[in-house]
Amino acid sequence: MNVIFVGPTGVHHALIAAHIFMGDLHNNDFRLIEHYGDRELDSKAELLYVGQTDDGAKVYTFGAGPNHKLAAEIIADFRDLLGFGEEELVARAVPVPGNLWLYALSYLPP
């Protein structure tokens, strides 16, 4: 199984959700998470491999901008179109309150 967490960026909320899903978020200091806030990596618009769960599910994140909910639906529709099922690929949008602001702020210089 493959799980993709889709957010406005792939290196903020989606990355935290992925680590929660994998059960390895043991610290509230998110800066310690590998790739957290890495805007250069996020700007590549590629899937970011986060890791693997104990039961073998591969976990990814993807930054889709302000329309991340639509992107998760498109991924799921594409999966269905190709004849795959949810046992092979799951795409979940990560709800982010005020996501448009977060998306805009993530591109400001530090």
PDB file of N, CA and C in Angstrom:
ATOM      1  N   MET A   1       0.835  -1.174   0.000  1.00  0.00           N
ATOM      2  CA  MET A   1       0.000   0.000   0.000  1.00  0.00           C
ATOM      3  C   MET A   1       0.881   1.240   0.000  1.00  0.00           C
ATOM      4  N   ASN A   2       0.392   2.269  -0.660  1.00  0.00           N
ATOM      5  CA  ASN A   2       1.042   3.568  -0.697  1.00  0.00           C
ATOM      6  C   ASN A   2       0.048   4.599  -0.186  1.00  0.00           C
ATOM      7  N   VAL A   3       0.510   5.497   0.668  1.00  0.00           N
ATOM      8  CA  VAL A   3      -0.339   6.543   1.224  1.00  0.00           C
ATOM      9  C   VAL A   3       0.305   7.882   0.910  1.00  0.00           C
ATOM     10  N   ILE A   4      -0.480   8.795   0.324  1.00  0.00           N
ATOM     11  CA  ILE A   4       0.007  10.130  -0.005  1.00  0.00           C
ATOM     12  C   ILE A   4      -0.794  11.142   0.799  1.00  0.00           C
ATOM     13  N   PHE A   5      -0.094  11.944   1.599  1.00  0.00           N
ATOM     14  CA  PHE A   5      -0.722  13.039   2.324  1.00  0.00           C
ATOM     15  C   PHE A   5      -0.503  14.300   1.503  1.00  0.00           C
ATOM     16  N   VAL A   6      -1.602  14.949   1.105  1.00  0.00           N
ATOM     17  CA  VAL A   6      -1.546  16.112   0.224  1.00  0.00           C
ATOM     18  C   VAL A   6      -1.910  17.354   1.026  1.00  0.00           C
ATOM     19  N   GLY A   7      -1.049  18.351   0.983  1.00  0.00           N
ATOM     20  CA  GLY A   7      -1.301  19.606   1.680  1.00  0.00           C
ATOM     21  C   GLY A   7      -0.913  20.773   0.795  1.00  0.00           C
ATOM     22  N   PRO A   8      -1.104  21.995   1.299  1.00  0.00           N
ATOM     23  CA  PRO A   8      -0.674  23.165   0.527  1.00  0.00           C
ATOM     24  C   PRO A   8       0.817  23.086   0.205  1.00  0.00           C
ATOM     25  N   THR A   9       1.599  22.584   1.167  1.00  0.00           N
ATOM     26  CA  THR A   9       3.002  22.265   0.926  1.00  0.00           C
ATOM     27  C   THR A   9       3.202  20.830   1.375  1.00  0.00           C
ATOM     28  N   GLY A  10       4.220  20.204   0.889  1.00  0.00           N
ATOM     29  CA  GLY A  10       4.496  18.831   1.301  1.00  0.00           C
ATOM     30  C   GLY A  10       5.446  18.752   2.475  1.00  0.00           C
ATOM     31  N   VAL A  11       5.890  19.923   2.960  1.00  0.00           N
ATOM     32  CA  VAL A  11       6.914  19.931   3.999  1.00  0.00           C
ATOM     33  C   VAL A  11       6.444  20.582   5.299  1.00  0.00           C
ATOM     34  N   HIS A  12       5.146  20.747   5.449  1.00  0.00           N
ATOM     35  CA  HIS A  12       4.617  21.310   6.693  1.00  0.00           C
ATOM     36  C   HIS A  12       3.553  20.369   7.261  1.00  0.00           C
ATOM     37  N   HIS A  13       2.287  20.732   7.155  1.00  0.00           N
ATOM     38  CA  HIS A  13       1.202  19.945   7.749  1.00  0.00           C
ATOM     39  C   HIS A  13       1.136  18.520   7.195  1.00  0.00           C
ATOM     40  N   ALA A  14       1.326  18.370   5.899  1.00  0.00           N
ATOM     41  CA  ALA A  14       1.276  17.031   5.299  1.00  0.00           C
ATOM     42  C   ALA A  14       2.395  16.157   5.853  1.00  0.00           C
ATOM     43  N   LEU A  15       3.559  16.737   6.062  1.00  0.00           N
ATOM     44  CA  LEU A  15       4.691  15.988   6.605  1.00  0.00           C
ATOM     45  C   LEU A  15       4.430  15.572   8.054  1.00  0.00           C
ATOM     46  N   ILE A  16       3.850  16.463   8.835  1.00  0.00           N
ATOM     47  CA  ILE A  16       3.509  16.126  10.219  1.00  0.00           C
ATOM     48  C   ILE A  16       2.461  15.023  10.245  1.00  0.00           C
ATOM     49  N   ALA A  17       1.429  15.135   9.382  1.00  0.00           N
ATOM     50  CA  ALA A  17       0.386  14.102   9.310  1.00  0.00           C
ATOM     51  C   ALA A  17       0.983  12.755   8.929  1.00  0.00           C
ATOM     52  N   ALA A  18       1.931  12.749   8.019  1.00  0.00           N
ATOM     53  CA  ALA A  18       2.581  11.500   7.605  1.00  0.00           C
ATOM     54  C   ALA A  18       3.311  10.852   8.777  1.00  0.00           C
ATOM     55  N   HIS A  19       4.009  11.659   9.559  1.00  0.00           N
ATOM     56  CA  HIS A  19       4.732  11.109  10.704  1.00  0.00           C
ATOM     57  C   HIS A  19       3.780  10.628  11.796  1.00  0.00           C
ATOM     58  N   ILE A  20       2.667  11.313  11.976  1.00  0.00           N
ATOM     59  CA  ILE A  20       1.659  10.847  12.930  1.00  0.00           C
ATOM     60  C   ILE A  20       1.110   9.502  12.459  1.00  0.00           C
ATOM     61  N   PHE A  21       0.813   9.395  11.168  1.00  0.00           N
ATOM     62  CA  PHE A  21       0.299   8.149  10.603  1.00  0.00           C
ATOM     63  C   PHE A  21       1.277   7.001  10.809  1.00  0.00           C
ATOM     64  N   MET A  22       2.558   7.288  10.641  1.00  0.00           N
ATOM     65  CA  MET A  22       3.582   6.255  10.796  1.00  0.00           C
ATOM     66  C   MET A  22       3.857   5.945  12.265  1.00  0.00           C
ATOM     67  N   GLY A  23       3.377   6.794  13.163  1.00  0.00           N
ATOM     68  CA  GLY A  23       3.572   6.562  14.587  1.00  0.00           C
ATOM     69  C   GLY A  23       4.958   6.925  15.089  1.00  0.00           C
ATOM     70  N   ASP A  24       5.639   7.815  14.382  1.00  0.00           N
ATOM     71  CA  ASP A  24       6.996   8.163  14.821  1.00  0.00           C
ATOM     72  C   ASP A  24       7.171   9.650  15.128  1.00  0.00           C
ATOM     73  N   LEU A  25       6.085  10.317  15.472  1.00  0.00           N
ATOM     74  CA  LEU A  25       6.183  11.718  15.886  1.00  0.00           C
ATOM     75  C   LEU A  25       6.255  11.739  17.408  1.00  0.00           C
ATOM     76  N   HIS A  26       7.466  11.829  17.930  1.00  0.00           N
ATOM     77  CA  HIS A  26       7.679  11.715  19.369  1.00  0.00           C
ATOM     78  C   HIS A  26       8.064  13.037  20.014  1.00  0.00           C
ATOM     79  N   ASN A  27       8.061  14.100  19.232  1.00  0.00           N
ATOM     80  CA  ASN A  27       8.500  15.385  19.747  1.00  0.00           C
ATOM     81  C   ASN A  27       7.637  16.476  19.110  1.00  0.00           C
ATOM     82  N   ASN A  28       7.246  17.455  19.883  1.00  0.00           N
ATOM     83  CA  ASN A  28       6.441  18.550  19.346  1.00  0.00           C
ATOM     84  C   ASN A  28       7.287  19.628  18.671  1.00  0.00           C
ATOM     85  N   ASP A  29       8.582  19.485  18.677  1.00  0.00           N
ATOM     86  CA  ASP A  29       9.441  20.421  17.968  1.00  0.00           C
ATOM     87  C   ASP A  29       9.570  19.932  16.530  1.00  0.00           C
ATOM     88  N   PHE A  30       8.694  20.430  15.677  1.00  0.00           N
ATOM     89  CA  PHE A  30       8.618  19.952  14.298  1.00  0.00           C
ATOM     90  C   PHE A  30       9.886  20.254  13.505  1.00  0.00           C
ATOM     91  N   ARG A  31      10.673  21.199  13.960  1.00  0.00           N
ATOM     92  CA  ARG A  31      11.922  21.520  13.252  1.00  0.00           C
ATOM     93  C   ARG A  31      12.879  20.349  13.236  1.00  0.00           C
ATOM     94  N   LEU A  32      12.669  19.368  14.128  1.00  0.00           N
ATOM     95  CA  LEU A  32      13.540  18.200  14.186  1.00  0.00           C
ATOM     96  C   LEU A  32      13.161  17.134  13.154  1.00  0.00           C
ATOM     97  N   ILE A  33      12.008  17.302  12.508  1.00  0.00           N
ATOM     98  CA  ILE A  33      11.566  16.353  11.490  1.00  0.00           C
ATOM     99  C   ILE A  33      12.365  16.604  10.212  1.00  0.00           C
ATOM    100  N   GLU A  34      12.911  15.548   9.660  1.00  0.00           N
ATOM    101  CA  GLU A  34      13.683  15.677   8.424  1.00  0.00           C
ATOM    102  C   GLU A  34      12.831  16.306   7.325  1.00  0.00           C
ATOM    103  N   HIS A  35      13.345  17.298   6.664  1.00  0.00           N
ATOM    104  CA  HIS A  35      12.732  18.029   5.548  1.00  0.00           C
ATOM    105  C   HIS A  35      11.652  19.017   5.976  1.00  0.00           C
ATOM    106  N   TYR A  36      11.373  19.161   7.278  1.00  0.00           N
ATOM    107  CA  TYR A  36      10.328  20.097   7.694  1.00  0.00           C
ATOM    108  C   TYR A  36      10.707  21.516   7.277  1.00  0.00           C
ATOM    109  N   GLY A  37       9.810  22.186   6.568  1.00  0.00           N
ATOM    110  CA  GLY A  37      10.021  23.560   6.148  1.00  0.00           C
ATOM    111  C   GLY A  37      10.997  23.733   5.000  1.00  0.00           C
ATOM    112  N   ASP A  38      11.407  22.670   4.353  1.00  0.00           N
ATOM    113  CA  ASP A  38      12.371  22.743   3.250  1.00  0.00           C
ATOM    114  C   ASP A  38      11.657  23.209   1.980  1.00  0.00           C
ATOM    115  N   ARG A  39      11.613  24.524   1.793  1.00  0.00           N
ATOM    116  CA  ARG A  39      10.882  25.097   0.657  1.00  0.00           C
ATOM    117  C   ARG A  39      11.516  24.733  -0.687  1.00  0.00           C
ATOM    118  N   GLU A  40      12.832  24.596  -0.700  1.00  0.00           N
ATOM    119  CA  GLU A  40      13.507  24.230  -1.952  1.00  0.00           C
ATOM    120  C   GLU A  40      13.070  22.837  -2.406  1.00  0.00           C
ATOM    121  N   LEU A  41      13.005  21.912  -1.489  1.00  0.00           N
ATOM    122  CA  LEU A  41      12.549  20.559  -1.800  1.00  0.00           C
ATOM    123  C   LEU A  41      11.090  20.579  -2.238  1.00  0.00           C
ATOM    124  N   ASP A  42      10.271  21.366  -1.559  1.00  0.00           N
ATOM    125  CA  ASP A  42       8.851  21.444  -1.879  1.00  0.00           C
ATOM    126  C   ASP A  42       8.613  22.064  -3.253  1.00  0.00           C
ATOM    127  N   SER A  43       9.466  22.991  -3.653  1.00  0.00           N
ATOM    128  CA  SER A  43       9.285  23.676  -4.939  1.00  0.00           C
ATOM    129  C   SER A  43       9.539  22.756  -6.132  1.00  0.00           C
ATOM    130  N   LYS A  44      10.105  21.576  -5.901  1.00  0.00           N
ATOM    131  CA  LYS A  44      10.327  20.625  -6.988  1.00  0.00           C
ATOM    132  C   LYS A  44       9.030  19.977  -7.457  1.00  0.00           C
ATOM    133  N   ALA A  45       7.961  20.107  -6.661  1.00  0.00           N
ATOM    134  CA  ALA A  45       6.637  19.563  -6.998  1.00  0.00           C
ATOM    135  C   ALA A  45       6.697  18.061  -7.278  1.00  0.00           C
ATOM    136  N   GLU A  46       7.400  17.358  -6.416  1.00  0.00           N
ATOM    137  CA  GLU A  46       7.516  15.907  -6.524  1.00  0.00           C
ATOM    138  C   GLU A  46       7.006  15.266  -5.244  1.00  0.00           C
ATOM    139  N   LEU A  47       6.679  13.989  -5.330  1.00  0.00           N
ATOM    140  CA  LEU A  47       6.335  13.256  -4.124  1.00  0.00           C
ATOM    141  C   LEU A  47       7.558  13.206  -3.212  1.00  0.00           C
ATOM    142  N   LEU A  48       7.331  13.374  -1.926  1.00  0.00           N
ATOM    143  CA  LEU A  48       8.407  13.271  -0.949  1.00  0.00           C
ATOM    144  C   LEU A  48       8.206  11.981  -0.164  1.00  0.00           C
ATOM    145  N   TYR A  49       9.147  11.055  -0.314  1.00  0.00           N
ATOM    146  CA  TYR A  49       9.064   9.798   0.425  1.00  0.00           C
ATOM    147  C   TYR A  49       9.416  10.071   1.876  1.00  0.00           C
ATOM    148  N   VAL A  50       8.505   9.687   2.786  1.00  0.00           N
ATOM    149  CA  VAL A  50       8.710   9.941   4.210  1.00  0.00           C
ATOM    150  C   VAL A  50       9.232   8.700   4.915  1.00  0.00           C
ATOM    151  N   GLY A  51       8.688   7.555   4.557  1.00  0.00           N
ATOM    152  CA  GLY A  51       9.123   6.330   5.199  1.00  0.00           C
ATOM    153  C   GLY A  51       8.110   5.223   5.031  1.00  0.00           C
ATOM    154  N   GLN A  52       8.246   4.215   5.867  1.00  0.00           N
ATOM    155  CA  GLN A  52       7.399   3.034   5.761  1.00  0.00           C
ATOM    156  C   GLN A  52       6.861   2.678   7.147  1.00  0.00           C
ATOM    157  N   THR A  53       5.582   2.284   7.207  1.00  0.00           N
ATOM    158  CA  THR A  53       4.985   1.876   8.470  1.00  0.00           C
ATOM    159  C   THR A  53       5.446   0.462   8.813  1.00  0.00           C
ATOM    160  N   ASP A  54       5.136   0.042  10.025  1.00  0.00           N
ATOM    161  CA  ASP A  54       5.517  -1.300  10.457  1.00  0.00           C
ATOM    162  C   ASP A  54       4.856  -2.388   9.619  1.00  0.00           C
ATOM    163  N   ASP A  55       3.666  -2.094   9.078  1.00  0.00           N
ATOM    164  CA  ASP A  55       2.980  -3.105   8.261  1.00  0.00           C
ATOM    165  C   ASP A  55       3.305  -2.982   6.771  1.00  0.00           C
ATOM    166  N   GLY A  56       4.292  -2.156   6.420  1.00  0.00           N
ATOM    167  CA  GLY A  56       4.788  -2.110   5.051  1.00  0.00           C
ATOM    168  C   GLY A  56       4.202  -1.042   4.146  1.00  0.00           C
ATOM    169  N   ALA A  57       3.335  -0.174   4.662  1.00  0.00           N
ATOM    170  CA  ALA A  57       2.771   0.900   3.835  1.00  0.00           C
ATOM    171  C   ALA A  57       3.835   1.972   3.608  1.00  0.00           C
ATOM    172  N   LYS A  58       4.023   2.351   2.353  1.00  0.00           N
ATOM    173  CA  LYS A  58       4.964   3.416   2.017  1.00  0.00           C
ATOM    174  C   LYS A  58       4.223   4.744   2.099  1.00  0.00           C
ATOM    175  N   VAL A  59       4.831   5.721   2.748  1.00  0.00           N
ATOM    176  CA  VAL A  59       4.174   6.984   3.036  1.00  0.00           C
ATOM    177  C   VAL A  59       4.903   8.120   2.324  1.00  0.00           C
ATOM    178  N   TYR A  60       4.104   8.972   1.647  1.00  0.00           N
ATOM    179  CA  TYR A  60       4.621  10.104   0.891  1.00  0.00           C
ATOM    180  C   TYR A  60       3.852  11.360   1.256  1.00  0.00           C
ATOM    181  N   THR A  61       4.440  12.517   0.938  1.00  0.00           N
ATOM    182  CA  THR A  61       3.705  13.773   1.019  1.00  0.00           C
ATOM    183  C   THR A  61       3.799  14.449  -0.342  1.00  0.00           C
ATOM    184  N   PHE A  62       2.860  15.372  -0.560  1.00  0.00           N
ATOM    185  CA  PHE A  62       2.857  16.123  -1.810  1.00  0.00           C
ATOM    186  C   PHE A  62       2.286  17.506  -1.547  1.00  0.00           C
ATOM    187  N   GLY A  63       2.975  18.528  -1.998  1.00  0.00           N
ATOM    188  CA  GLY A  63       2.499  19.903  -1.886  1.00  0.00           C
ATOM    189  C   GLY A  63       1.767  20.296  -3.150  1.00  0.00           C
ATOM    190  N   ALA A  64       0.479  20.616  -2.999  1.00  0.00           N
ATOM    191  CA  ALA A  64      -0.340  20.913  -4.173  1.00  0.00           C
ATOM    192  C   ALA A  64      -0.874  22.336  -4.187  1.00  0.00           C
ATOM    193  N   GLY A  65      -0.381  23.188  -3.311  1.00  0.00           N
ATOM    194  CA  GLY A  65      -0.836  24.571  -3.290  1.00  0.00           C
ATOM    195  C   GLY A  65      -2.198  24.713  -2.637  1.00  0.00           C
ATOM    196  N   PRO A  66      -2.849  25.836  -2.883  1.00  0.00           N
ATOM    197  CA  PRO A  66      -4.108  26.117  -2.193  1.00  0.00           C
ATOM    198  C   PRO A  66      -5.249  25.166  -2.565  1.00  0.00           C
ATOM    199  N   ASN A  67      -5.137  24.452  -3.662  1.00  0.00           N
ATOM    200  CA  ASN A  67      -6.183  23.507  -4.082  1.00  0.00           C
ATOM    201  C   ASN A  67      -5.809  22.067  -3.734  1.00  0.00           C
ATOM    202  N   HIS A  68      -5.219  21.871  -2.573  1.00  0.00           N
ATOM    203  CA  HIS A  68      -4.733  20.544  -2.212  1.00  0.00           C
ATOM    204  C   HIS A  68      -5.866  19.524  -2.051  1.00  0.00           C
ATOM    205  N   LYS A  69      -7.057  19.972  -1.673  1.00  0.00           N
ATOM    206  CA  LYS A  69      -8.178  19.028  -1.549  1.00  0.00           C
ATOM    207  C   LYS A  69      -8.548  18.467  -2.925  1.00  0.00           C
ATOM    208  N   LEU A  70      -8.568  19.329  -3.913  1.00  0.00           N
ATOM    209  CA  LEU A  70      -8.860  18.903  -5.273  1.00  0.00           C
ATOM    210  C   LEU A  70      -7.771  17.963  -5.786  1.00  0.00           C
ATOM    211  N   ALA A  71      -6.527  18.251  -5.454  1.00  0.00           N
ATOM    212  CA  ALA A  71      -5.415  17.395  -5.897  1.00  0.00           C
ATOM    213  C   ALA A  71      -5.554  15.984  -5.347  1.00  0.00           C
ATOM    214  N   ALA A  72      -5.949  15.853  -4.081  1.00  0.00           N
ATOM    215  CA  ALA A  72      -6.144  14.522  -3.495  1.00  0.00           C
ATOM    216  C   ALA A  72      -7.267  13.774  -4.212  1.00  0.00           C
ATOM    217  N   GLU A  73      -8.318  14.475  -4.574  1.00  0.00           N
ATOM    218  CA  GLU A  73      -9.422  13.846  -5.313  1.00  0.00           C
ATOM    219  C   GLU A  73      -8.973  13.418  -6.705  1.00  0.00           C
ATOM    220  N   ILE A  74      -8.156  14.232  -7.349  1.00  0.00           N
ATOM    221  CA  ILE A  74      -7.654  13.893  -8.686  1.00  0.00           C
ATOM    222  C   ILE A  74      -6.773  12.642  -8.618  1.00  0.00           C
ATOM    223  N   ILE A  75      -5.921  12.566  -7.613  1.00  0.00           N
ATOM    224  CA  ILE A  75      -5.071  11.380  -7.448  1.00  0.00           C
ATOM    225  C   ILE A  75      -5.934  10.136  -7.270  1.00  0.00           C
ATOM    226  N   ALA A  76      -6.970  10.239  -6.432  1.00  0.00           N
ATOM    227  CA  ALA A  76      -7.869   9.102  -6.194  1.00  0.00           C
ATOM    228  C   ALA A  76      -8.628   8.732  -7.466  1.00  0.00           C
ATOM    229  N   ASP A  77      -9.080   9.727  -8.218  1.00  0.00           N
ATOM    230  CA  ASP A  77      -9.788   9.454  -9.475  1.00  0.00           C
ATOM    231  C   ASP A  77      -8.859   8.799 -10.496  1.00  0.00           C
ATOM    232  N   PHE A  78      -7.629   9.269 -10.565  1.00  0.00           N
ATOM    233  CA  PHE A  78      -6.659   8.694 -11.487  1.00  0.00           C
ATOM    234  C   PHE A  78      -6.370   7.244 -11.107  1.00  0.00           C
ATOM    235  N   ARG A  79      -6.251   6.974  -9.810  1.00  0.00           N
ATOM    236  CA  ARG A  79      -6.054   5.605  -9.320  1.00  0.00           C
ATOM    237  C   ARG A  79      -7.197   4.716  -9.788  1.00  0.00           C
ATOM    238  N   ASP A  80      -8.444   5.198  -9.614  1.00  0.00           N
ATOM    239  CA  ASP A  80      -9.610   4.427 -10.023  1.00  0.00           C
ATOM    240  C   ASP A  80      -9.639   4.217 -11.534  1.00  0.00           C
ATOM    241  N   LEU A  81      -9.263   5.243 -12.274  1.00  0.00           N
ATOM    242  CA  LEU A  81      -9.237   5.162 -13.733  1.00  0.00           C
ATOM    243  C   LEU A  81      -8.273   4.082 -14.218  1.00  0.00           C
ATOM    244  N   LEU A  82      -7.173   3.936 -13.514  1.00  0.00           N
ATOM    245  CA  LEU A  82      -6.178   2.934 -13.892  1.00  0.00           C
ATOM    246  C   LEU A  82      -6.512   1.536 -13.377  1.00  0.00           C
ATOM    247  N   GLY A  83      -7.590   1.434 -12.598  1.00  0.00           N
ATOM    248  CA  GLY A  83      -8.035   0.132 -12.132  1.00  0.00           C
ATOM    249  C   GLY A  83      -7.393  -0.346 -10.842  1.00  0.00           C
ATOM    250  N   PHE A  84      -6.768   0.571 -10.125  1.00  0.00           N
ATOM    251  CA  PHE A  84      -6.192   0.219  -8.830  1.00  0.00           C
ATOM    252  C   PHE A  84      -7.225   0.473  -7.746  1.00  0.00           C
ATOM    253  N   GLY A  85      -7.027  -0.092  -6.587  1.00  0.00           N
ATOM    254  CA  GLY A  85      -7.957   0.104  -5.480  1.00  0.00           C
ATOM    255  C   GLY A  85      -7.290   0.801  -4.314  1.00  0.00           C
ATOM    256  N   GLU A  86      -8.085   1.083  -3.289  1.00  0.00           N
ATOM    257  CA  GLU A  86      -7.554   1.750  -2.091  1.00  0.00           C
ATOM    258  C   GLU A  86      -6.574   0.872  -1.322  1.00  0.00           C
ATOM    259  N   GLU A  87      -6.566  -0.423  -1.604  1.00  0.00           N
ATOM    260  CA  GLU A  87      -5.583  -1.281  -0.943  1.00  0.00           C
ATOM    261  C   GLU A  87      -4.185  -1.069  -1.521  1.00  0.00           C
ATOM    262  N   GLU A  88      -4.098  -0.351  -2.644  1.00  0.00           N
ATOM    263  CA  GLU A  88      -2.808  -0.082  -3.273  1.00  0.00           C
ATOM    264  C   GLU A  88      -2.360   1.366  -3.141  1.00  0.00           C
ATOM    265  N   LEU A  89      -3.333   2.304  -3.175  1.00  0.00           N
ATOM    266  CA  LEU A  89      -2.988   3.728  -3.107  1.00  0.00           C
ATOM    267  C   LEU A  89      -4.114   4.505  -2.439  1.00  0.00           C
ATOM    268  N   VAL A  90      -3.746   5.297  -1.447  1.00  0.00           N
ATOM    269  CA  VAL A  90      -4.698   6.168  -0.759  1.00  0.00           C
ATOM    270  C   VAL A  90      -4.121   7.576  -0.776  1.00  0.00           C
ATOM    271  N   ALA A  91      -4.933   8.549  -1.169  1.00  0.00           N
ATOM    272  CA  ALA A  91      -4.523   9.954  -1.147  1.00  0.00           C
ATOM    273  C   ALA A  91      -5.457  10.695  -0.198  1.00  0.00           C
ATOM    274  N   ARG A  92      -4.886  11.385   0.780  1.00  0.00           N
ATOM    275  CA  ARG A  92      -5.676  12.107   1.770  1.00  0.00           C
ATOM    276  C   ARG A  92      -5.229  13.563   1.828  1.00  0.00           C
ATOM    277  N   ALA A  93      -6.199  14.451   1.691  1.00  0.00           N
ATOM    278  CA  ALA A  93      -5.926  15.877   1.869  1.00  0.00           C
ATOM    279  C   ALA A  93      -5.807  16.155   3.355  1.00  0.00           C
ATOM    280  N   VAL A  94      -4.845  16.970   3.718  1.00  0.00           N
ATOM    281  CA  VAL A  94      -4.642  17.355   5.114  1.00  0.00           C
ATOM    282  C   VAL A  94      -5.301  18.715   5.310  1.00  0.00           C
ATOM    283  N   PRO A  95      -6.378  18.760   6.112  1.00  0.00           N
ATOM    284  CA  PRO A  95      -7.059  20.041   6.313  1.00  0.00           C
ATOM    285  C   PRO A  95      -6.174  21.010   7.097  1.00  0.00           C
ATOM    286  N   VAL A  96      -6.074  22.217   6.583  1.00  0.00           N
ATOM    287  CA  VAL A  96      -5.236  23.231   7.209  1.00  0.00           C
ATOM    288  C   VAL A  96      -6.057  24.512   7.344  1.00  0.00           C
ATOM    289  N   PRO A  97      -6.406  24.895   8.578  1.00  0.00           N
ATOM    290  CA  PRO A  97      -7.134  26.161   8.744  1.00  0.00           C
ATOM    291  C   PRO A  97      -6.281  27.328   8.244  1.00  0.00           C
ATOM    292  N   GLY A  98      -6.880  28.189   7.434  1.00  0.00           N
ATOM    293  CA  GLY A  98      -6.140  29.327   6.896  1.00  0.00           C
ATOM    294  C   GLY A  98      -5.047  28.915   5.944  1.00  0.00           C
ATOM    295  N   ASN A  99      -5.284  27.846   5.171  1.00  0.00           N
ATOM    296  CA  ASN A  99      -4.217  27.286   4.335  1.00  0.00           C
ATOM    297  C   ASN A  99      -3.684  28.247   3.288  1.00  0.00           C
ATOM    298  N   LEU A 100      -4.500  29.161   2.800  1.00  0.00           N
ATOM    299  CA  LEU A 100      -4.011  30.104   1.797  1.00  0.00           C
ATOM    300  C   LEU A 100      -2.934  31.008   2.397  1.00  0.00           C
ATOM    301  N   TRP A 101      -3.131  31.436   3.637  1.00  0.00           N
ATOM    302  CA  TRP A 101      -2.115  32.251   4.313  1.00  0.00           C
ATOM    303  C   TRP A 101      -0.839  31.454   4.531  1.00  0.00           C
ATOM    304  N   LEU A 102      -0.973  30.222   4.989  1.00  0.00           N
ATOM    305  CA  LEU A 102       0.206  29.385   5.218  1.00  0.00           C
ATOM    306  C   LEU A 102       0.971  29.178   3.918  1.00  0.00           C
ATOM    307  N   TYR A 103       0.244  28.913   2.843  1.00  0.00           N
ATOM    308  CA  TYR A 103       0.880  28.694   1.551  1.00  0.00           C
ATOM    309  C   TYR A 103       1.658  29.930   1.125  1.00  0.00           C
ATOM    310  N   ALA A 104       1.039  31.105   1.289  1.00  0.00           N
ATOM    311  CA  ALA A 104       1.709  32.353   0.901  1.00  0.00           C
ATOM    312  C   ALA A 104       2.913  32.635   1.793  1.00  0.00           C
ATOM    313  N   LEU A 105       2.754  32.425   3.094  1.00  0.00           N
ATOM    314  CA  LEU A 105       3.850  32.690   4.027  1.00  0.00           C
ATOM    315  C   LEU A 105       5.031  31.750   3.838  1.00  0.00           C
ATOM    316  N   SER A 106       4.766  30.543   3.348  1.00  0.00           N
ATOM    317  CA  SER A 106       5.850  29.570   3.203  1.00  0.00           C
ATOM    318  C   SER A 106       6.854  29.993   2.134  1.00  0.00           C
ATOM    319  N   TYR A 107       6.501  30.961   1.307  1.00  0.00           N
ATOM    320  CA  TYR A 107       7.406  31.406   0.255  1.00  0.00           C
ATOM    321  C   TYR A 107       8.069  32.751   0.550  1.00  0.00           C
ATOM    322  N   LEU A 108       7.841  33.273   1.762  1.00  0.00           N
ATOM    323  CA  LEU A 108       8.551  34.478   2.153  1.00  0.00           C
ATOM    324  C   LEU A 108       9.971  34.119   2.561  1.00  0.00           C
ATOM    325  N   PRO A 109      10.920  35.003   2.309  1.00  0.00           N
ATOM    326  CA  PRO A 109      12.297  34.705   2.724  1.00  0.00           C
ATOM    327  C   PRO A 109      12.380  34.613   4.247  1.00  0.00           C
ATOM    328  N   PRO A 110      13.275  33.776   4.769  1.00  0.00           N
ATOM    329  CA  PRO A 110      13.405  33.629   6.222  1.00  0.00           C
ATOM    330  C   PRO A 110      13.870  34.909   6.904  1.00  0.00           C
TER     331      PRO A 110
END
